[in-house]
Protein backbone atom coordinates (compact mmCIF):
# COMPACT_ATOMS: atom_id res chain seq x y z
CA MET A 1 -47.12 31.03 39.89
CA ALA A 2 -46.18 28.65 42.66
CA PHE A 3 -43.74 29.53 45.50
CA ASP A 4 -41.50 27.06 47.23
CA LYS A 5 -41.44 28.40 50.79
CA ASN A 6 -37.89 27.31 51.92
CA SER A 7 -36.46 30.62 52.82
CA ASP A 8 -36.41 30.02 56.58
CA ASP A 9 -34.00 27.07 56.38
CA GLY A 10 -31.22 29.11 54.88
CA LYS A 11 -31.65 27.99 51.24
CA ALA A 12 -32.61 29.91 48.16
CA ALA A 13 -36.26 30.29 47.64
CA THR A 14 -37.57 29.28 44.13
CA TYR A 15 -40.32 30.85 42.02
CA VAL A 16 -41.79 28.43 39.41
CA ASP A 17 -43.88 30.06 36.63
CA GLU A 18 -46.57 28.57 34.47
CA LYS A 19 -44.00 27.34 31.90
CA GLY A 20 -41.97 25.47 34.57
CA TYR A 21 -39.04 27.84 34.59
CA GLU A 22 -37.39 28.46 37.86
CA SER A 23 -35.64 31.48 39.17
CA PRO A 24 -33.76 31.30 42.49
CA ARG A 25 -34.26 34.21 44.86
CA GLU A 26 -32.50 34.73 48.04
CA ALA A 27 -34.99 35.85 50.60
CA ASN A 28 -33.56 34.95 53.99
CA TYR A 29 -30.55 37.20 54.39
CA TYR A 30 -32.32 40.34 55.03
CA GLN A 31 -34.98 42.06 57.12
CA GLN A 32 -38.28 40.85 55.57
CA GLU A 33 -41.97 41.25 55.87
CA GLU A 34 -44.70 38.83 54.98
CA LYS A 35 -46.75 39.56 51.85
CA THR A 36 -49.53 37.47 50.23
CA TYR A 37 -48.85 36.68 46.47
CA ASN A 38 -51.35 34.68 44.62
CA GLY A 39 -52.46 33.00 47.81
CA ASP A 40 -48.97 32.11 49.00
CA VAL A 41 -47.14 33.89 51.86
CA VAL A 42 -43.81 35.24 50.62
CA ARG A 43 -41.27 37.50 52.22
CA GLN A 44 -40.36 40.95 50.96
CA GLU A 45 -37.19 43.03 51.75
CA THR A 46 -37.60 46.05 54.04
CA GLY A 47 -35.47 48.91 55.10
CA ILE A 48 -32.78 50.71 52.95
CA LEU A 49 -32.15 47.81 50.59
CA LYS A 50 -35.87 47.70 49.57
CA SER A 51 -35.83 51.52 49.10
CA LEU A 52 -32.73 51.34 46.89
CA ARG A 53 -34.02 48.50 44.88
CA ASP A 54 -37.44 50.10 44.37
CA PHE A 55 -35.63 53.26 43.29
CA GLU A 56 -33.48 51.13 40.84
CA ALA A 57 -36.62 49.46 39.39
CA LYS A 58 -38.27 52.94 38.84
CA LEU A 59 -35.07 54.09 37.08
CA ASP A 60 -35.03 50.88 34.98
CA ALA A 61 -38.76 51.50 34.03
CA ARG A 62 -38.15 55.09 33.08
CA LEU A 63 -34.55 55.07 31.76
CA GLY A 64 -33.81 51.36 31.14
CA ILE A 65 -30.79 51.28 33.48
CA GLU A 66 -31.01 47.55 33.88
CA SER A 67 -32.05 46.48 37.42
CA GLU A 68 -31.46 42.78 38.55
CA ALA A 69 -28.47 42.70 36.29
CA ILE A 70 -26.99 39.46 37.60
CA GLU A 71 -30.31 37.48 37.59
CA ARG A 72 -30.41 34.74 35.03
CA LYS A 73 -32.04 35.73 31.72
CA LEU A 74 -34.81 33.18 31.24
CA PRO A 75 -35.41 31.85 27.72
CA GLU A 76 -38.97 33.22 27.42
CA ASP A 77 -37.75 36.74 28.35
CA LYS A 78 -35.23 36.99 25.47
CA LYS A 79 -36.16 38.63 22.27
CA PRO A 80 -34.93 37.81 18.78
CA VAL A 81 -31.94 39.72 17.71
CA ARG A 82 -31.74 41.91 14.56
CA TRP A 83 -28.80 41.74 12.17
CA HIS A 84 -27.05 44.75 13.64
CA GLU A 85 -27.37 43.24 17.05
CA THR A 86 -25.56 40.14 15.72
CA LEU A 87 -22.77 42.31 14.35
CA THR A 88 -22.49 43.82 17.93
CA MET A 89 -20.97 40.50 19.00
CA GLY A 90 -17.70 41.59 17.18
CA LEU A 91 -18.05 45.38 17.12
CA LEU A 92 -18.28 45.65 20.84
CA TRP A 93 -14.65 44.44 21.28
CA ALA A 94 -13.50 46.58 18.38
CA SER A 95 -14.48 49.66 20.44
CA GLY A 96 -12.77 48.30 23.36
CA THR A 97 -9.44 47.29 21.84
CA MET A 98 -8.50 50.04 19.32
CA ASN A 99 -7.01 52.48 21.83
CA THR A 100 -3.80 53.94 22.93
CA SER A 101 -3.04 50.95 25.09
CA CYS A 102 -2.96 48.60 22.08
CA PHE A 103 -0.90 51.23 20.17
CA ALA A 104 1.72 51.44 22.96
CA THR A 105 1.93 47.74 23.30
CA GLY A 106 2.93 47.49 19.68
CA PHE A 107 6.17 49.19 20.39
CA LEU A 108 7.35 46.26 22.54
CA GLY A 109 8.60 44.11 19.68
CA HIS A 110 11.07 46.86 18.74
CA ILE A 111 12.06 47.23 22.34
CA PHE A 112 12.63 43.50 22.69
CA GLY A 113 14.88 43.55 19.61
CA LEU A 114 12.58 42.04 17.08
CA ASP A 115 12.07 43.38 13.53
CA LEU A 116 8.79 44.56 12.04
CA THR A 117 7.91 41.33 10.31
CA GLN A 118 8.47 39.24 13.36
CA SER A 119 6.50 41.69 15.55
CA VAL A 120 3.58 41.68 13.09
CA LEU A 121 3.37 37.91 12.88
CA ILE A 122 3.55 37.49 16.69
CA ILE A 123 0.89 40.21 17.11
CA ILE A 124 -1.60 38.45 14.69
CA PHE A 125 -0.89 34.94 16.04
CA ALA A 126 -0.99 35.74 19.81
CA SER A 127 -4.08 37.93 19.39
CA ILE A 128 -6.07 35.15 17.65
CA ILE A 129 -5.01 32.64 20.46
CA GLY A 130 -6.02 34.91 23.23
CA GLY A 131 -9.20 36.08 21.33
CA GLY A 132 -10.04 32.45 20.91
CA PHE A 133 -10.00 31.80 24.68
CA THR A 134 -12.40 34.74 25.02
CA GLY A 135 -14.62 33.51 22.25
CA PHE A 136 -14.99 30.19 24.07
CA ALA A 137 -16.07 31.94 27.22
CA ALA A 138 -18.57 34.07 25.28
CA THR A 139 -20.44 31.06 24.06
CA PHE A 140 -21.74 30.36 27.55
CA GLY A 141 -23.98 33.65 27.49
CA PRO A 142 -26.82 32.71 25.17
CA PRO A 143 -27.57 29.07 26.39
CA THR A 144 -27.28 29.92 30.03
CA GLY A 145 -28.48 33.37 30.20
CA LEU A 146 -25.85 34.04 32.92
CA ARG A 147 -23.01 36.58 33.38
CA GLN A 148 -19.46 35.28 33.12
CA ILE A 149 -18.73 35.05 36.90
CA SER A 150 -22.07 33.24 37.43
CA VAL A 151 -21.14 30.79 34.61
CA SER A 152 -17.76 29.97 36.28
CA ARG A 153 -19.62 28.77 39.48
CA TYR A 154 -20.26 25.56 37.58
CA ALA A 155 -16.58 24.99 37.18
CA PHE A 156 -15.04 26.65 40.33
CA GLY A 157 -17.76 26.00 42.80
CA TRP A 158 -19.44 28.54 45.10
CA TRP A 159 -16.60 29.54 47.29
CA PRO A 160 -13.49 29.42 45.05
CA ASN A 161 -15.48 31.43 42.45
CA LYS A 162 -15.64 34.44 44.93
CA LEU A 163 -11.93 34.72 44.35
CA ILE A 164 -12.46 34.75 40.64
CA ALA A 165 -15.02 37.57 41.16
CA ALA A 166 -12.52 39.50 43.21
CA LEU A 167 -9.64 39.15 40.82
CA ASN A 168 -11.92 40.11 37.88
CA THR A 169 -13.00 43.29 39.78
CA ILE A 170 -9.38 44.18 40.68
CA VAL A 171 -8.16 43.82 37.08
CA GLN A 172 -11.09 45.80 35.52
CA LEU A 173 -10.81 48.70 38.03
CA GLY A 174 -7.06 48.74 37.74
CA TRP A 175 -7.13 48.96 33.95
CA ALA A 176 -9.84 51.52 34.00
CA ALA A 177 -7.44 53.69 36.30
CA VAL A 178 -4.59 53.11 33.80
CA ALA A 179 -6.71 54.41 30.96
CA CYS A 180 -7.79 57.35 32.96
CA ILE A 181 -4.12 58.26 33.74
CA THR A 182 -2.94 57.71 30.19
CA GLY A 183 -5.84 59.65 28.71
CA GLY A 184 -5.35 62.44 31.17
CA LEU A 185 -1.58 62.64 30.40
CA ALA A 186 -2.47 62.85 26.70
CA LEU A 187 -5.00 65.56 27.21
CA THR A 188 -2.54 67.52 29.19
CA ALA A 189 -0.07 67.20 26.24
CA VAL A 190 -2.70 68.42 23.79
CA ALA A 191 -3.36 71.54 25.89
CA ASP A 192 0.32 72.15 26.18
CA GLY A 193 0.17 71.75 29.94
CA ASN A 194 -2.62 74.24 30.28
CA LEU A 195 -5.15 71.45 31.24
CA SER A 196 -4.51 69.96 34.75
CA LEU A 197 -3.94 66.15 34.69
CA VAL A 198 -6.51 65.77 37.39
CA VAL A 199 -9.26 67.43 35.27
CA GLY A 200 -8.42 65.10 32.46
CA ILE A 201 -8.77 62.03 34.60
CA ILE A 202 -12.02 63.21 36.01
CA ILE A 203 -13.37 63.83 32.58
CA LEU A 204 -12.64 60.35 31.28
CA ALA A 205 -13.84 58.72 34.45
CA VAL A 206 -17.18 60.60 34.59
CA ILE A 207 -18.09 60.10 30.94
CA ALA A 208 -17.44 56.20 31.26
CA THR A 209 -19.29 55.95 34.44
CA ILE A 210 -22.36 57.71 33.00
CA ILE A 211 -22.60 55.28 30.00
CA SER A 212 -21.98 52.18 32.40
CA PHE A 213 -24.78 53.47 34.73
CA PHE A 214 -27.41 53.13 32.05
CA GLY A 215 -26.62 49.43 31.68
CA LEU A 216 -26.17 46.92 28.86
CA LYS A 217 -28.41 48.43 26.28
CA ALA A 218 -26.63 51.76 26.41
CA ILE A 219 -23.32 50.08 26.33
CA LEU A 220 -24.12 47.94 23.30
CA VAL A 221 -25.42 50.91 21.36
CA TYR A 222 -22.44 53.09 22.24
CA GLU A 223 -19.77 50.36 21.48
CA ARG A 224 -21.52 49.29 18.34
CA TYR A 225 -20.49 52.49 16.71
CA ALA A 226 -17.65 54.08 18.68
CA TRP A 227 -15.01 51.95 16.87
CA ILE A 228 -15.50 53.71 13.57
CA VAL A 229 -13.84 56.84 14.69
CA PHE A 230 -10.85 54.99 15.96
CA PHE A 231 -10.61 52.71 12.99
CA ILE A 232 -10.36 55.82 10.79
CA ILE A 233 -7.69 57.39 13.17
CA PHE A 234 -5.45 54.19 12.89
CA MET A 235 -5.75 54.26 9.09
CA ILE A 236 -4.46 57.81 9.18
CA PHE A 237 -1.59 56.57 11.31
CA PHE A 238 -0.68 53.88 8.75
CA GLY A 239 -0.96 56.52 5.98
CA MET A 240 1.35 58.98 7.52
CA THR A 241 3.93 56.68 9.20
CA ALA A 242 4.19 53.66 6.81
CA PRO A 243 6.57 55.54 4.39
CA TYR A 244 9.16 55.65 7.17
CA ALA A 245 8.85 52.05 8.24
CA ASP A 246 11.97 50.04 8.36
CA THR A 247 11.32 46.76 6.50
CA THR A 248 14.95 45.77 5.64
CA SER A 249 16.74 45.66 8.96
CA GLY A 250 16.95 42.35 10.72
CA PRO A 251 16.25 41.60 14.42
CA GLU A 252 18.79 42.74 17.00
CA ALA A 253 18.12 39.84 19.12
CA GLU A 254 19.85 36.60 18.38
CA GLY A 255 20.00 32.98 19.73
CA ALA A 256 18.57 32.48 23.18
CA ASP A 257 17.80 36.43 23.56
CA PHE A 258 15.59 36.16 20.31
CA THR A 259 13.82 33.11 21.85
CA GLY A 260 13.29 35.04 25.02
CA ALA A 261 12.07 38.00 23.19
CA VAL A 262 9.49 36.04 21.12
CA LEU A 263 8.10 34.23 24.22
CA SER A 264 7.80 37.46 26.22
CA LEU A 265 6.01 39.33 23.44
CA ILE A 266 3.67 36.52 22.89
CA ALA A 267 2.83 36.47 26.55
CA VAL A 268 1.97 40.11 26.51
CA ILE A 269 -0.11 40.12 23.35
CA TYR A 270 -1.88 36.93 24.26
CA GLY A 271 -2.73 38.25 27.70
CA SER A 272 -4.14 41.44 26.32
CA SER A 273 -6.78 39.40 24.30
CA ALA A 274 -7.31 36.53 26.78
CA SER A 275 -8.14 38.82 29.70
CA TRP A 276 -11.50 39.75 28.21
CA GLN A 277 -12.74 36.23 28.95
CA THR A 278 -13.71 36.83 32.49
CA MET A 279 -16.38 39.23 31.37
CA ALA A 280 -17.30 37.81 27.91
CA SER A 281 -20.74 36.38 28.54
CA ASP A 282 -21.74 39.45 30.44
CA TYR A 283 -22.58 40.82 26.96
CA TYR A 284 -24.25 37.74 25.49
CA ALA A 285 -26.58 36.69 28.21
CA HIS A 286 -29.57 38.41 26.55
CA TYR A 287 -29.15 36.57 23.23
CA PRO A 288 -31.60 33.85 22.46
CA VAL A 289 -30.88 30.23 23.65
CA ASN A 290 -30.62 28.93 20.08
CA THR A 291 -27.97 31.51 18.93
CA ASN A 292 -25.44 29.63 16.96
CA ARG A 293 -22.48 29.02 19.24
CA TRP A 294 -19.94 28.96 16.37
CA LYS A 295 -21.17 32.41 15.34
CA VAL A 296 -20.63 33.67 18.82
CA PHE A 297 -17.15 32.19 18.84
CA PHE A 298 -16.00 33.54 15.65
CA PHE A 299 -17.52 36.97 15.95
CA THR A 300 -15.91 37.34 19.38
CA THR A 301 -12.55 35.92 18.50
CA PHE A 302 -11.93 37.97 15.46
CA GLY A 303 -13.91 40.98 16.99
CA ILE A 304 -11.01 41.03 19.46
CA ALA A 305 -8.06 39.76 17.29
CA ILE A 306 -8.55 42.04 14.30
CA PRO A 307 -8.89 45.40 16.02
CA THR A 308 -6.20 44.47 18.48
CA SER A 309 -3.90 43.60 15.77
CA ILE A 310 -4.64 46.86 13.93
CA GLY A 311 -3.83 49.03 16.94
CA MET A 312 -0.69 46.97 17.80
CA ILE A 313 0.62 46.77 14.21
CA ALA A 314 0.33 50.58 13.95
CA GLY A 315 2.59 50.89 17.01
CA ALA A 316 5.10 48.43 15.50
CA VAL A 317 5.16 50.32 12.31
CA VAL A 318 5.95 53.52 14.21
CA ALA A 319 8.65 51.88 16.33
CA SER A 320 10.44 50.43 13.27
CA SER A 321 10.31 53.92 11.86
CA PHE A 322 12.69 55.25 14.53
CA SER A 323 15.86 54.24 12.50
CA ASN A 324 14.52 56.60 9.69
CA ARG A 325 13.12 59.23 12.02
CA PRO A 326 15.47 59.60 15.04
CA ASP A 327 13.50 62.73 16.10
CA TRP A 328 10.51 60.46 16.81
CA SER A 329 12.61 58.10 18.74
CA ASP A 330 13.99 61.02 20.85
CA ILE A 331 10.39 62.17 21.64
CA TYR A 332 9.38 58.73 22.68
CA ASP A 333 12.33 58.09 24.91
CA ASP A 334 11.93 61.50 26.60
CA PRO A 335 10.23 60.96 30.02
CA ASN A 336 8.87 64.51 29.85
CA GLN A 337 7.15 63.85 26.45
CA GLY A 338 6.30 60.28 25.54
CA LEU A 339 3.54 58.82 23.44
CA GLY A 340 1.20 61.84 23.29
CA PHE A 341 3.90 64.15 22.00
CA LEU A 342 5.04 61.38 19.56
CA ILE A 343 1.54 61.24 18.02
CA GLN A 344 1.70 65.05 17.64
CA ALA A 345 5.01 64.66 15.94
CA MET A 346 3.83 61.90 13.54
CA LEU A 347 0.90 63.76 12.30
CA HIS A 348 0.55 67.13 10.46
CA PRO A 349 -0.42 69.88 10.55
CA ILE A 350 -0.19 70.35 14.37
CA GLY A 351 -3.91 71.46 14.66
CA PHE A 352 -5.09 68.34 12.89
CA ALA A 353 -2.62 66.27 15.11
CA LYS A 354 -4.06 67.69 18.33
CA PHE A 355 -7.59 66.96 17.05
CA ILE A 356 -6.79 63.35 16.38
CA LEU A 357 -5.01 62.89 19.77
CA VAL A 358 -8.06 64.24 21.50
CA LEU A 359 -10.26 61.75 19.76
CA LEU A 360 -7.76 58.93 20.45
CA VAL A 361 -7.59 59.74 24.05
CA LEU A 362 -11.38 59.36 24.24
CA SER A 363 -10.83 55.73 23.18
CA GLY A 364 -10.14 55.12 26.73
CA ILE A 365 -13.72 55.78 27.53
CA ASN A 366 -14.49 52.63 25.50
CA VAL A 367 -12.32 50.48 27.79
CA ASN A 368 -13.61 52.03 30.88
CA VAL A 369 -17.34 51.63 29.94
CA ILE A 370 -16.87 47.84 29.67
CA SER A 371 -14.52 47.53 32.63
CA ILE A 372 -16.72 49.47 35.14
CA TYR A 373 -19.87 47.78 34.05
CA SER A 374 -18.46 44.27 34.49
CA ALA A 375 -16.64 45.18 37.70
CA ALA A 376 -19.98 46.26 39.21
CA ILE A 377 -21.47 42.95 38.33
CA SER A 378 -18.52 41.01 39.85
CA CYS A 379 -18.98 43.03 43.05
CA GLN A 380 -22.61 41.74 43.25
CA GLN A 381 -21.19 38.19 43.35
CA PHE A 382 -18.75 38.64 46.25
CA ALA A 383 -21.47 37.38 48.70
CA ARG A 384 -25.27 37.08 48.83
CA PRO A 385 -25.74 40.35 50.67
CA PHE A 386 -23.67 42.15 47.95
CA ALA A 387 -26.06 40.82 45.37
CA LYS A 388 -28.90 42.72 46.99
CA VAL A 389 -27.16 46.05 46.70
CA PRO A 390 -28.37 47.67 43.40
CA ARG A 391 -26.03 47.64 40.37
CA PHE A 392 -26.03 51.45 40.12
CA ILE A 393 -24.66 51.71 43.72
CA TRP A 394 -21.75 49.47 42.63
CA ILE A 395 -21.28 51.57 39.55
CA ILE A 396 -20.95 54.66 41.81
CA LEU A 397 -18.48 52.87 44.11
CA CYS A 398 -16.39 51.54 41.29
CA PHE A 399 -16.21 55.16 39.92
CA VAL A 400 -14.87 56.29 43.29
CA VAL A 401 -12.24 53.62 43.41
CA VAL A 402 -11.16 54.21 39.80
CA LEU A 403 -10.86 57.84 40.51
CA ALA A 404 -8.96 57.30 43.66
CA LEU A 405 -6.56 55.01 41.92
CA ALA A 406 -6.09 57.28 38.89
CA LEU A 407 -5.60 60.44 40.85
CA GLY A 408 -3.36 58.74 43.53
CA GLY A 409 -1.13 57.10 40.87
CA ARG A 410 -1.02 60.01 38.37
CA GLU A 411 2.62 61.00 39.11
CA GLN A 412 4.64 57.86 39.69
CA LEU A 413 2.53 54.73 40.29
CA ASN A 414 1.29 54.30 36.68
CA ALA A 415 4.16 52.00 35.68
CA TYR A 416 3.81 49.84 38.83
CA LEU A 417 0.03 49.52 38.48
CA GLN A 418 0.53 48.23 34.89
CA ASP A 419 2.96 45.59 36.02
CA PHE A 420 0.62 44.52 38.77
CA LEU A 421 -2.34 44.10 36.22
CA THR A 422 -0.04 42.29 33.88
CA LEU A 423 0.83 39.94 36.69
CA LEU A 424 -2.91 39.21 37.32
CA GLY A 425 -3.44 38.50 33.66
CA TYR A 426 -1.75 35.12 34.04
CA TRP A 427 -4.71 33.72 35.93
CA CYS A 428 -6.87 33.91 32.83
CA THR A 429 -5.00 31.02 31.41
CA GLN A 430 -6.00 29.08 34.58
CA TYR A 431 -9.58 30.32 34.17
CA PHE A 432 -9.76 28.92 30.66
CA VAL A 433 -8.25 25.55 31.44
CA ILE A 434 -10.68 24.94 34.45
CA LEU A 435 -13.72 26.27 32.50
CA PHE A 436 -12.98 24.34 29.31
CA SER A 437 -12.16 21.07 31.09
CA GLU A 438 -15.26 21.23 33.10
CA HIS A 439 -17.45 21.95 30.09
CA VAL A 440 -15.82 19.49 27.52
CA ILE A 441 -14.83 16.60 29.80
CA PHE A 442 -17.25 16.60 32.67
CA ARG A 443 -20.36 17.95 31.09
CA ARG A 444 -19.79 16.51 27.63
CA ALA A 445 -20.05 19.94 25.95
CA ASN A 446 -23.71 19.73 26.49
CA PHE A 447 -25.78 22.40 28.28
CA ASP A 448 -28.37 19.87 29.07
CA ASN A 449 -25.94 18.70 31.81
CA TYR A 450 -26.19 22.08 33.58
CA ASP A 451 -28.76 22.57 36.21
CA LEU A 452 -29.27 26.23 35.42
CA THR A 453 -31.79 26.72 38.22
CA ALA A 454 -28.79 25.95 40.61
CA TRP A 455 -26.76 28.94 39.56
CA ASN A 456 -27.19 30.80 42.83
CA ASP A 457 -27.55 27.83 45.22
CA PRO A 458 -24.22 26.66 46.88
CA ASP A 459 -25.84 23.38 47.82
CA ARG A 460 -26.27 22.29 44.32
CA LEU A 461 -23.12 23.64 42.71
CA PRO A 462 -19.74 21.95 42.70
CA VAL A 463 -17.89 22.05 45.98
CA GLY A 464 -14.84 23.55 44.20
CA ILE A 465 -12.10 21.48 45.90
CA ALA A 466 -10.50 20.48 42.54
CA ALA A 467 -10.70 24.00 41.03
CA GLY A 468 -9.36 25.58 44.17
CA LEU A 469 -6.35 23.25 44.52
CA ALA A 470 -5.62 23.47 40.77
CA PHE A 471 -5.84 27.30 40.89
CA GLY A 472 -3.42 27.59 43.78
CA ILE A 473 -0.91 25.15 42.36
CA GLY A 474 -1.29 26.89 38.94
CA ILE A 475 -0.27 30.11 40.65
CA ILE A 476 3.10 28.47 41.76
CA ALA A 477 3.65 27.50 38.25
CA TRP A 478 3.32 30.99 36.75
CA VAL A 479 5.50 32.51 39.43
CA MET A 480 8.21 30.03 38.34
CA GLY A 481 7.76 31.08 34.72
CA MET A 482 7.02 34.70 34.57
CA VAL A 483 9.19 37.68 33.38
CA GLU A 484 8.32 41.16 34.64
CA THR A 485 10.30 44.37 34.86
CA TRP A 486 10.53 43.89 38.66
CA TYR A 487 10.86 40.07 38.74
CA VAL A 488 12.46 37.37 36.45
CA SER A 489 11.48 33.85 37.56
CA PRO A 490 13.94 31.04 38.00
CA ILE A 491 12.78 29.25 34.84
CA GLY A 492 12.21 32.51 32.80
CA LYS A 493 15.78 33.75 33.44
CA LEU A 494 17.23 30.63 31.80
CA ILE A 495 16.08 31.86 28.30
CA GLY A 496 18.39 34.60 27.09
CA THR A 497 19.94 37.59 28.71
CA TYR A 498 16.66 39.29 29.69
CA GLY A 499 14.62 36.03 30.20
CA GLY A 500 11.73 34.59 28.43
CA ASP A 501 8.21 34.52 29.78
CA VAL A 502 6.79 30.98 29.95
CA ALA A 503 4.31 31.51 32.69
CA ASN A 504 1.24 30.94 30.62
CA GLU A 505 2.59 27.76 29.11
CA LEU A 506 3.55 26.32 32.49
CA THR A 507 0.33 27.16 34.29
CA PHE A 508 -1.64 25.74 31.32
CA VAL A 509 -0.10 22.48 31.69
CA VAL A 510 0.09 22.36 35.60
CA THR A 511 -3.56 23.51 36.00
CA ALA A 512 -4.81 20.86 33.57
CA VAL A 513 -2.78 18.08 35.11
CA VAL A 514 -3.93 18.94 38.69
CA PHE A 515 -7.61 19.76 38.05
CA ILE A 516 -8.77 16.96 35.65
CA PRO A 517 -7.88 14.04 37.97
CA LEU A 518 -9.00 15.83 41.13
CA ARG A 519 -12.33 16.77 39.50
CA PHE A 520 -12.85 13.03 38.66
CA LEU A 521 -12.26 12.30 42.28
CA GLU A 522 -14.48 15.06 43.51
CA LEU A 523 -17.49 13.89 41.39
CA ARG A 524 -16.90 10.25 42.51
CA PHE A 525 -16.78 10.83 46.22
CA ILE A 526 -18.90 14.11 46.59
CA GLY A 527 -21.02 13.80 43.57
CA ARG A 528 -21.09 17.34 42.45
């Protein structure tokens, strides 16, 4: 093994093995000591960072907790996958999407004045589109061996990509906090108020953090099978509520109000599925380089779209039943009861209903496991020093943040937190446009045009001027087109009484129009 001794000039040192594969290592940002390795003088970390990383390595050796999580997975280090590991491409997302959040989202069509048929069609269509965006991002994992935030450095550049890492962390931790609050409230309902909301939140956060702590292997095993329980639960929902579904009444919204309702519902459903793309390749980097990209795309797309649709359609069916079951509507509208008590009313007998509700509450763990794991990896990519902090430390810090957000917002901030996270979901459209354009237009959809050894070297990655400007101008576009409970944009309010959300459509066009010509200029005058 040769060693390129360039760590003293501020650049990343590079190890080159006998097969010619390179792996960049940053060795110049920390206290170091000299050590002889195969005749070459190299530098080793010292102090607390070295102790923590050595401890992480020991835990990895004994428990497989996955040290060096953000390092590129080299082709020779990847193992062939078995058939059940291939199925995990889809089942992973099934566990993360069939939950109370999707079920609650299914009620929105009814709230917007759409009938059951319209709601179901929009749910299916928008879930497939959003899932397709995530499916595309997932295809970068096997050929690059990189996590999603590392992949996007090739499109956004070194510095703008730090914003992407920060946004991804905020979104994941925020949604994890929402899941803890929702789950804690439901557990309190099951216990008839005898279980403290604080205790419920802590239970959900602790279990998810433990699974995330053990790393990708544990997560994939857990998520591969966890979906089965929740699939059965939603089939029970359909069986007990479908007889009351209203399939005859037409939509309440008409004309421009109908258009606005359709656009707004599409935005919410699409955003729910598209928001997974900023973490997608995190769960595919270990697959062999020759893994069929179409297989990855379709497994991921429909692994998200199908279970998301199941959960949301179940909510749409229950919402349509309100005309036939006004008692259900009263429970849902009561601020002192809500979704947890509605589920108890839907199912019978009451003991069975509480048992199902407890299981369904635990579906929030599935979301939190993925969210906390990917948030920790994003934290490691804020800056080079952060990358040297072991992943298990970031997992613990993420747990603390999630717990603080959930406990602090358990009484009155939950609704505001969800609005804030929905707002951040718009940037996923910008992320897709820039990543897709860079790959298809500028790299000819060919991974041979990626210098994968440069993934951690700012001097060899794109500067990011085009991506940074396109992203900033794209934000202006979605501010002009979004519709939220607290803000209706100038363009959005032109569509119907309550507005129609066109933020994703506007930012898609504006980001593409700005990024593509600027990227041509960036390549011509800067060369990377």
